[in-house]
Amino acid sequence: MIILLLFLVLIDLVVITWLTEGRKPSPFGALFFIIGSLVIYHFFIDKFSWNTIQYIQDNKTNILMITIGYILIGIVWSFIRWYFYLVDNKKYQDIEKRRHEKKYRESELAFKYYIPKAIDNKERIMTWMIYWPFSIFGFILSNPFTRFFSWIYSKVSGVYDSITASVYK
C-alpha cells in the first residue's frame, strides 16, 4: 500500500512539474491534477485515520506561518526564474539574430529583439509563484542537462557540418 502511495506521489511530481515547467505552463491543468490526486490520496490517508480538519484547528498558527512562508518563497523564486527565463530567451534571440544576419546580409531588414515583459508573461510568472516546489524541481533537473548537451553540441557541431559537406559534394 505504501509503495503504491509513493508511486502515485512520484507520478504527481513528474506530471505537475511537466505542467508547470513546460513551454506553455498550464496552471489550471496542474491545479486539476492536484485536486484529483488529493481525492485519491484521501482514500489512502483515511486508512491511516488522519483527521485533516482537526489538524487544521489544532495548528492554525503553524499553518498560517507555513502559508506566509510558501507565498514569500514563491515570490522570491519567481524573480530568480524570471531572470533565467530572460537569459535563455536572450541566448535564443542571439542565435536567431545571427541566422537572420547570414540570410539577409545585404538587406535592409534589421533584426528586432523581442524583449519579454512581465505583463505578457503573467500566467508563466504566477505559475512559478504558485507551484514553486515543482518549478524548482523541474529547473534543477532540466537546466543542467540542457546546458550540458548544448555545450556538447557546440563542440561537435562542426563534425556534423563536415559530414554534410562530404555527402553533398
Protein backbone atom coordinates (compact mmCIF):
# COMPACT_ATOMS: atom_id res chain seq x y z
CA MET A 1 0.00 0.00 0.00
CA ILE A 2 2.82 2.41 0.92
CA ILE A 3 4.71 1.58 -2.29
CA LEU A 4 1.61 2.38 -4.32
CA LEU A 5 1.24 5.70 -2.48
CA LEU A 6 4.91 6.59 -3.12
CA PHE A 7 4.47 5.67 -6.78
CA LEU A 8 1.45 7.99 -7.02
CA VAL A 9 3.42 10.80 -5.37
CA LEU A 10 6.24 10.29 -7.90
CA ILE A 11 3.75 10.42 -10.77
CA ASP A 12 2.31 13.63 -9.30
CA LEU A 13 5.76 15.17 -9.03
CA VAL A 14 6.61 14.39 -12.65
CA VAL A 15 3.26 15.41 -14.16
CA ILE A 16 2.88 18.63 -12.16
CA THR A 17 6.49 19.58 -12.93
CA TRP A 18 5.80 19.00 -16.62
CA LEU A 19 2.61 21.07 -16.42
CA THR A 20 4.36 23.98 -14.67
CA GLU A 21 7.77 24.00 -16.41
CA GLY A 22 6.79 23.15 -19.98
CA ARG A 23 7.00 25.58 -22.91
CA LYS A 24 3.47 26.75 -22.17
CA PRO A 25 2.72 26.42 -18.46
CA SER A 26 -0.69 25.08 -17.55
CA PRO A 27 -1.52 26.26 -14.04
CA PHE A 28 -5.15 25.12 -14.28
CA GLY A 29 -4.09 21.71 -15.57
CA ALA A 30 -1.73 21.40 -12.62
CA LEU A 31 -4.49 22.53 -10.24
CA PHE A 32 -6.95 19.95 -11.58
CA PHE A 33 -4.27 17.27 -11.38
CA ILE A 34 -3.52 18.21 -7.75
CA ILE A 35 -7.22 18.17 -6.84
CA GLY A 36 -7.62 14.76 -8.46
CA SER A 37 -4.56 13.49 -6.63
CA LEU A 38 -5.87 14.80 -3.31
CA VAL A 39 -9.12 12.92 -3.86
CA ILE A 40 -7.14 9.72 -4.50
CA TYR A 41 -4.88 10.38 -1.50
CA HIS A 42 -7.91 10.94 0.68
CA PHE A 43 -8.75 7.28 0.35
CA PHE A 44 -5.21 6.29 1.35
CA ILE A 45 -4.92 8.84 4.17
CA ASP A 46 -8.31 7.83 5.50
CA LYS A 47 -6.87 4.34 6.02
CA PHE A 48 -4.28 5.83 8.37
CA SER A 49 -7.00 7.74 10.28
CA TRP A 50 -5.68 11.23 9.57
CA ASN A 51 -8.15 13.92 10.57
CA THR A 52 -7.35 16.93 8.39
CA ILE A 53 -9.97 19.27 9.85
CA GLN A 54 -8.87 18.52 13.40
CA TYR A 55 -5.23 19.08 12.44
CA ILE A 56 -6.04 22.49 10.93
CA GLN A 57 -8.00 23.53 14.04
CA ASP A 58 -5.15 22.46 16.34
CA ASN A 59 -2.38 24.12 14.31
CA LYS A 60 -3.81 27.42 12.98
CA THR A 61 -0.69 29.46 13.77
CA ASN A 62 1.67 26.94 12.20
CA ILE A 63 -0.47 26.70 9.08
CA LEU A 64 -0.60 30.50 8.79
CA MET A 65 3.19 30.76 9.13
CA ILE A 66 3.74 27.98 6.60
CA THR A 67 1.33 29.67 4.18
CA ILE A 68 3.11 33.03 4.51
CA GLY A 69 6.48 31.32 4.03
CA TYR A 70 5.18 29.45 0.98
CA ILE A 71 3.99 32.71 -0.59
CA LEU A 72 7.25 34.53 0.15
CA ILE A 73 9.39 31.71 -1.24
CA GLY A 74 7.17 31.67 -4.35
CA ILE A 75 7.70 35.39 -4.90
CA VAL A 76 11.48 35.12 -4.48
CA TRP A 77 11.62 32.06 -6.76
CA SER A 78 9.59 33.85 -9.45
CA PHE A 79 12.24 36.63 -9.58
CA ILE A 80 15.05 34.08 -9.86
CA ARG A 81 13.19 32.07 -12.50
CA TRP A 82 12.30 35.24 -14.45
CA TYR A 83 16.00 36.15 -14.62
CA PHE A 84 16.93 32.73 -16.02
CA TYR A 85 13.99 32.86 -18.42
CA LEU A 86 15.27 36.19 -19.76
CA VAL A 87 18.84 34.87 -20.06
CA ASP A 88 17.64 31.82 -22.03
CA ASN A 89 15.37 33.99 -24.17
CA LYS A 90 18.24 36.37 -24.96
CA LYS A 91 20.53 33.47 -25.95
CA TYR A 92 17.84 32.09 -28.25
CA GLN A 93 17.29 35.51 -29.84
CA ASP A 94 21.06 36.00 -30.30
CA ILE A 95 21.15 32.75 -32.29
CA GLU A 96 18.16 33.88 -34.34
CA LYS A 97 19.85 37.24 -34.94
CA ARG A 98 22.99 35.52 -36.30
CA ARG A 99 20.81 33.37 -38.61
CA HIS A 100 18.92 36.45 -39.73
CA GLU A 101 22.14 38.36 -40.44
CA LYS A 102 23.53 35.45 -42.52
CA LYS A 103 20.32 35.24 -44.52
CA TYR A 104 19.78 38.98 -45.05
CA ARG A 105 23.38 40.18 -45.14
CA GLU A 106 22.88 42.92 -47.71
CA SER A 107 19.25 43.54 -46.89
CA GLU A 108 17.77 46.42 -45.02
CA LEU A 109 15.70 44.06 -42.90
CA ALA A 110 17.01 44.64 -39.41
CA PHE A 111 16.60 42.05 -36.71
CA LYS A 112 14.48 43.28 -33.82
CA TYR A 113 14.74 41.76 -30.40
CA TYR A 114 11.54 40.83 -28.67
CA ILE A 115 12.00 41.96 -25.09
CA PRO A 116 9.71 39.97 -22.82
CA LYS A 117 7.55 41.96 -20.45
CA ALA A 118 6.08 40.69 -17.21
CA ILE A 119 2.55 41.65 -18.28
CA ASP A 120 2.83 39.36 -21.32
CA ASN A 121 4.06 36.51 -19.11
CA LYS A 122 1.65 36.84 -16.20
CA GLU A 123 0.49 33.22 -16.39
CA ARG A 124 4.07 31.94 -16.51
CA ILE A 125 5.20 34.10 -13.54
CA MET A 126 2.15 33.25 -11.45
CA THR A 127 2.72 29.56 -12.19
CA TRP A 128 6.28 29.90 -10.87
CA MET A 129 4.93 31.59 -7.73
CA ILE A 130 2.11 29.16 -7.03
CA TYR A 131 3.85 25.92 -7.97
CA TRP A 132 7.38 26.90 -6.93
CA PRO A 133 8.35 23.49 -5.47
CA PHE A 134 7.60 21.83 -8.80
CA SER A 135 9.18 24.67 -10.75
CA ILE A 136 12.40 24.39 -8.74
CA PHE A 137 12.41 20.61 -9.19
CA GLY A 138 11.97 20.93 -12.96
CA PHE A 139 14.55 23.72 -13.21
CA ILE A 140 17.18 21.79 -11.26
CA LEU A 141 16.65 18.63 -13.30
CA SER A 142 16.28 20.19 -16.72
CA ASN A 143 18.69 23.13 -16.81
CA PRO A 144 21.99 21.36 -16.10
CA PHE A 145 21.18 18.61 -18.60
CA THR A 146 20.08 21.08 -21.26
CA ARG A 147 23.15 23.27 -20.76
CA PHE A 148 25.47 20.24 -20.74
CA PHE A 149 24.13 18.85 -24.02
CA SER A 150 24.09 22.32 -25.58
CA TRP A 151 27.77 22.60 -24.68
CA ILE A 152 28.47 19.16 -26.22
CA TYR A 153 26.58 20.17 -29.35
CA SER A 154 28.59 23.40 -29.66
CA LYS A 155 31.81 21.35 -29.51
CA VAL A 156 30.80 18.76 -32.12
CA SER A 157 28.50 20.72 -34.44
CA GLY A 158 31.38 21.26 -36.87
CA VAL A 159 31.66 17.48 -37.30
CA TYR A 160 28.02 17.34 -38.40
CA ASP A 161 28.69 20.12 -40.90
CA SER A 162 31.75 18.24 -42.20
CA ILE A 163 29.67 15.10 -42.68
CA THR A 164 27.04 17.15 -44.53
CA ALA A 165 29.70 18.75 -46.73
CA SER A 166 31.20 15.36 -47.62
CA VAL A 167 27.81 13.92 -48.56
CA TYR A 168 26.77 16.93 -50.67
CA LYS A 169 29.98 17.41 -52.67
